[in-house]
Protein backbone atom coordinates (compact mmCIF):
# COMPACT_ATOMS: atom_id res chain seq x y z
CA MET A 1 170.33 16.39 188.36
CA LYS A 2 167.43 18.44 189.67
CA LYS A 3 164.38 18.39 187.43
CA VAL A 4 163.38 21.76 186.05
CA ILE A 5 159.72 22.83 185.96
CA VAL A 6 158.32 22.25 182.49
CA LYS A 7 157.25 25.32 180.54
CA SER A 8 156.74 25.70 176.81
CA MET A 9 158.82 28.10 174.76
CA LEU A 10 158.09 29.18 171.23
CA LEU A 11 160.93 30.79 169.29
CA VAL A 12 159.75 33.33 166.75
CA LEU A 13 162.36 34.90 164.45
CA ALA A 14 161.76 37.95 162.30
CA MET A 15 164.06 39.76 159.89
CA SER A 16 163.89 43.43 158.98
CA LEU A 17 165.68 45.32 156.23
CA THR A 18 164.95 48.65 157.86
CA ALA A 19 165.66 50.01 161.30
CA THR A 20 164.70 53.12 163.15
CA SER A 21 167.51 55.65 163.20
CA VAL A 22 167.72 57.48 166.50
CA SER A 23 169.96 60.10 167.99
CA ALA A 24 172.56 59.16 170.57
CA GLN A 25 171.27 62.11 172.59
CA ARG A 26 167.74 60.78 173.05
CA ASP A 27 165.45 61.93 175.84
CA ARG A 28 165.07 59.39 178.64
CA ASN A 29 162.91 61.58 180.87
CA TYR A 30 159.61 60.00 179.80
CA VAL A 31 160.74 56.52 180.80
CA LYS A 32 162.21 57.76 184.08
CA ASN A 33 159.04 59.68 184.93
CA GLN A 34 156.90 56.62 184.27
CA ILE A 35 159.07 54.50 186.59
CA LYS A 36 158.65 57.11 189.31
CA LYS A 37 154.89 57.19 188.71
CA TRP A 38 154.59 53.39 188.93
CA GLY A 39 156.64 53.15 192.14
CA THR A 40 157.93 49.74 191.06
CA CYS A 41 159.69 48.55 187.91
CA LYS A 42 160.17 44.95 186.80
CA ASN A 43 162.87 45.37 184.18
CA VAL A 44 164.37 47.72 181.61
CA ALA A 45 166.35 47.81 178.40
CA ILE A 46 168.71 50.80 178.17
CA THR A 47 171.11 51.84 175.41
CA LYS A 48 173.29 54.74 174.35
CA THR A 49 171.89 54.91 170.82
CA ASN A 50 168.68 52.89 170.40
CA GLY A 51 166.32 54.13 173.09
CA ASP A 52 165.03 52.74 176.36
CA VAL A 53 162.18 50.59 177.69
CA ALA A 54 160.83 50.04 181.20
CA LEU A 55 158.47 47.19 182.16
CA TYR A 56 155.71 47.31 184.76
CA GLY A 57 153.37 44.59 186.02
CA LYS A 58 152.24 41.91 183.60
CA CYS A 59 152.52 43.76 180.30
CA GLY A 60 152.78 47.47 181.05
CA TYR A 61 155.67 49.38 179.56
CA ALA A 62 157.07 52.80 178.75
CA ALA A 63 159.43 53.33 175.82
CA SER A 64 161.38 56.13 174.20
CA ASN A 65 163.03 56.14 170.75
CA ILE A 66 163.16 52.36 170.37
CA PRO A 67 163.29 50.52 167.00
CA THR A 68 159.96 50.32 165.19
CA GLY A 69 159.86 46.52 165.20
CA LEU A 70 160.31 46.37 168.95
CA SER A 71 157.70 49.07 169.50
CA ASN A 72 155.18 47.15 167.39
CA LYS A 73 155.88 43.92 169.27
CA LEU A 74 155.38 45.55 172.66
CA LYS A 75 152.09 47.12 171.52
CA GLU A 76 150.91 43.71 170.30
CA LEU A 77 151.78 41.98 173.58
CA ASN A 78 150.22 44.73 175.67
CA LYS A 79 147.02 44.67 173.63
CA SER A 80 146.70 40.89 174.03
CA ASN A 81 147.46 41.13 177.79
CA THR A 82 150.47 38.83 177.36
CA LEU A 83 153.24 38.73 179.97
CA ILE A 84 156.32 40.72 178.95
CA ASP A 85 159.19 39.32 181.00
CA ASP A 86 162.49 40.65 179.63
CA ILE A 87 163.85 42.78 176.80
CA GLN A 88 167.32 42.86 175.28
CA LEU A 89 168.24 45.80 173.03
CA THR A 90 171.69 46.41 171.52
CA GLU A 91 173.38 49.50 170.16
CA SER A 92 172.99 48.29 166.55
CA GLY A 93 169.25 47.70 166.96
CA ARG A 94 169.10 43.95 167.64
CA TRP A 95 166.35 43.15 170.09
CA CYS A 96 164.84 40.22 171.91
CA VAL A 97 161.67 39.91 173.97
CA LEU A 98 160.89 37.11 176.42
CA TYR A 99 157.12 36.94 176.73
CA GLY A 100 154.29 34.65 177.76
CA LYS A 101 155.53 31.29 178.98
CA ASN A 102 159.12 32.03 177.92
CA ASP A 103 158.28 32.63 174.30
CA ALA A 104 160.84 34.72 172.44
CA ALA A 105 160.87 37.08 169.48
CA TRP A 106 163.65 39.18 168.05
CA ILE A 107 164.52 41.20 164.99
CA ASN A 108 167.67 41.28 162.83
CA THR A 109 170.28 38.54 162.89
CA ALA A 110 170.51 36.48 166.08
CA PRO A 111 174.03 35.86 167.45
CA SER A 112 175.62 32.65 166.21
CA GLY A 113 174.64 29.61 168.25
CA LEU A 114 171.97 31.34 170.32
CA VAL A 115 168.98 29.99 168.41
CA SER A 116 170.12 26.37 168.66
CA LYS A 117 170.86 26.77 172.38
CA ILE A 118 167.40 28.21 173.05
CA ASN A 119 165.95 25.21 171.22
CA ASP A 120 168.10 22.90 173.39
CA PHE A 121 166.74 24.56 176.53
CA HIS A 122 163.23 24.11 175.19
CA LYS A 123 163.75 20.41 174.45
CA ASN A 124 165.11 19.86 177.96
CA ASN A 125 162.25 21.84 179.57
CA TYR A 126 164.53 24.45 181.13
CA VAL A 127 162.73 27.65 182.14
CA VAL A 128 164.51 30.65 180.59
CA ARG A 129 164.95 33.62 182.94
CA SER A 130 166.88 35.93 180.64
CA ILE A 131 168.84 36.27 177.42
CA SER A 132 171.65 38.81 177.08
CA PHE A 133 173.80 39.47 174.02
CA ASN A 134 175.85 42.21 172.36
CA ASP A 135 176.81 43.27 168.85
CA TYR A 136 179.97 41.12 168.91
CA ASN A 137 177.92 37.88 168.99
CA GLN A 138 178.64 37.22 172.67
CA TRP A 139 175.63 35.88 174.54
CA VAL A 140 174.41 34.27 177.74
CA ILE A 141 171.13 32.47 178.30
CA VAL A 142 170.11 31.78 181.90
CA SER A 143 167.44 29.34 183.09
CA ASP A 144 166.25 28.60 186.60
CA GLU A 145 168.99 26.03 187.09
CA TYR A 146 171.37 26.23 184.11
CA TYR A 147 173.13 28.70 181.84
CA ALA A 148 174.90 28.58 178.50
CA THR A 149 177.19 31.03 176.73
CA SER A 150 178.79 31.77 173.38
CA SER A 151 182.33 30.87 174.46
CA ALA A 152 184.42 28.81 176.84
CA ASP A 153 185.86 32.03 178.25
CA LEU A 154 182.42 33.31 179.29
CA THR A 155 181.41 29.91 180.64
CA ASN A 156 184.56 29.66 182.77
CA TRP A 157 184.09 33.21 184.01
CA LEU A 158 180.53 32.48 185.14
CA LYS A 159 181.56 29.12 186.63
CA ASN A 160 184.35 30.74 188.67
CA GLY A 161 181.81 33.26 189.96
CA SER A 162 179.43 30.47 190.94
CA ASN A 163 182.21 28.70 192.82
CA LYS A 164 182.83 31.88 194.83
CA PHE A 165 179.37 33.37 195.23
CA GLY A 166 176.79 30.62 194.74
CA ARG A 167 173.77 30.55 192.46
CA LEU A 168 173.75 32.78 189.38
CA TRP A 169 170.88 35.28 189.40
CA ALA A 170 171.47 37.78 186.59
CA VAL A 171 173.86 38.51 183.72
CA CYS A 172 174.19 41.54 181.47
CA ILE A 173 176.53 41.70 178.47
CA THR A 174 177.20 44.93 176.56
CA ASP A 175 179.68 45.79 173.81
CA ASP A 176 182.30 46.82 176.37
CA ALA A 177 181.40 45.11 179.65
CA ALA A 178 179.79 42.18 181.41
CA ILE A 179 178.45 41.76 184.93
CA ALA A 180 177.10 38.68 186.67
CA VAL A 181 175.24 38.76 189.98
CA TYR A 182 175.10 35.72 192.27
CA ALA A 183 173.43 34.88 195.57
CA ASN A 184 176.40 36.20 197.55
CA GLY A 185 178.31 38.55 195.28
CA PHE A 186 179.07 39.62 191.73
CA CYS A 187 181.76 39.48 189.04
CA VAL A 188 182.59 42.07 186.38
CA LYS A 189 184.47 42.26 183.11
CA GLY A 190 185.31 45.47 181.29
CA ASP A 191 184.06 48.98 182.03
CA VAL A 192 181.29 48.76 184.64
CA PRO A 193 180.26 51.93 186.55
CA GLU A 194 181.65 52.04 190.07
CA GLU A 195 178.35 53.56 191.22
CA LEU A 196 176.59 50.37 190.17
CA LEU A 197 179.06 48.18 192.05
CA SER A 198 178.62 50.34 195.15
CA ALA A 199 174.83 50.06 194.88
CA LEU A 200 175.05 46.27 194.53
CA ARG A 201 177.23 46.05 197.63
CA SER A 202 174.75 48.06 199.69
CA THR A 203 171.41 46.74 198.41
CA SER A 204 169.20 44.79 200.79
CA PHE A 205 167.24 42.83 198.15
CA ASN A 206 168.03 39.97 195.80
CA VAL A 207 169.00 41.16 192.32
CA TYR A 208 167.17 39.13 189.68
CA ARG A 209 167.20 41.79 186.94
CA LEU A 210 170.23 43.81 185.91
CA LYS A 211 170.98 46.11 182.97
CA VAL A 212 173.88 48.45 182.24
CA SER A 213 174.76 50.76 179.35
CA GLY A 214 177.70 53.10 179.64
CA THR A 215 177.28 54.98 182.91
CA SER A 216 173.57 54.10 183.16
CA TRP A 217 172.33 51.08 185.13
CA PHE A 218 169.30 49.42 186.66
CA PHE A 219 168.62 46.44 188.91
CA ALA A 220 165.52 45.01 190.57
CA ASP A 221 164.22 42.07 192.55
CA GLU A 222 161.30 39.82 191.60
CA ASP A 223 158.80 42.14 193.33
CA GLY A 224 159.80 45.21 191.30
CA ASN A 225 161.84 46.91 194.01
CA TYR A 226 164.56 48.71 192.09
CA ARG A 227 167.52 51.07 192.07
CA TYR A 228 168.82 52.90 189.02
CA TYR A 229 170.95 55.63 187.58
CA MET A 230 169.58 56.64 184.20
């Protein structure tokens, strides 16, 4: 078994009894305009009902109508010049931030089994690349060399994709869909926009970041080259 580079990961859990209520018809123009201004974009979190976030450089970000707890966390990380690596945001307001050397923080109840699996990855020195989950307690955690999921069905689905297309690069799970991108192809479950699939087929760069919400989508490589429909 190939040894994984050792990095520390601190899991910080926070609970909140209040959440920011936002309209389903929120304005995404600010985030889109910031992405255009930057010219590159590392990652995003996009939703139908709980706002949007775009990440730039080490800890730069632009956000619109996101939950208060997430907004406060991003301000804190930006102020301390701490790496912001990935954000997960669900329709019910659950959120997760991967920051620093794979530290993690999220608000509201974590999906069943996810916390213990993150701790397992930490104990085994696996470097976490991303965490994706939905409001039905389905989740996937991906490291540089390994991944784990909330169910045998998801694990088998990802394994079949790896057998066909090679190394797993990115996974996104929503309440009604899932998509996994590999070195030489991708697999989908549920309602994934055909425009996204067409863009993945035609892209010339490696997709290490991928988000989808309804008809909106985003993907990028490790250098911040991106394509989106938002």
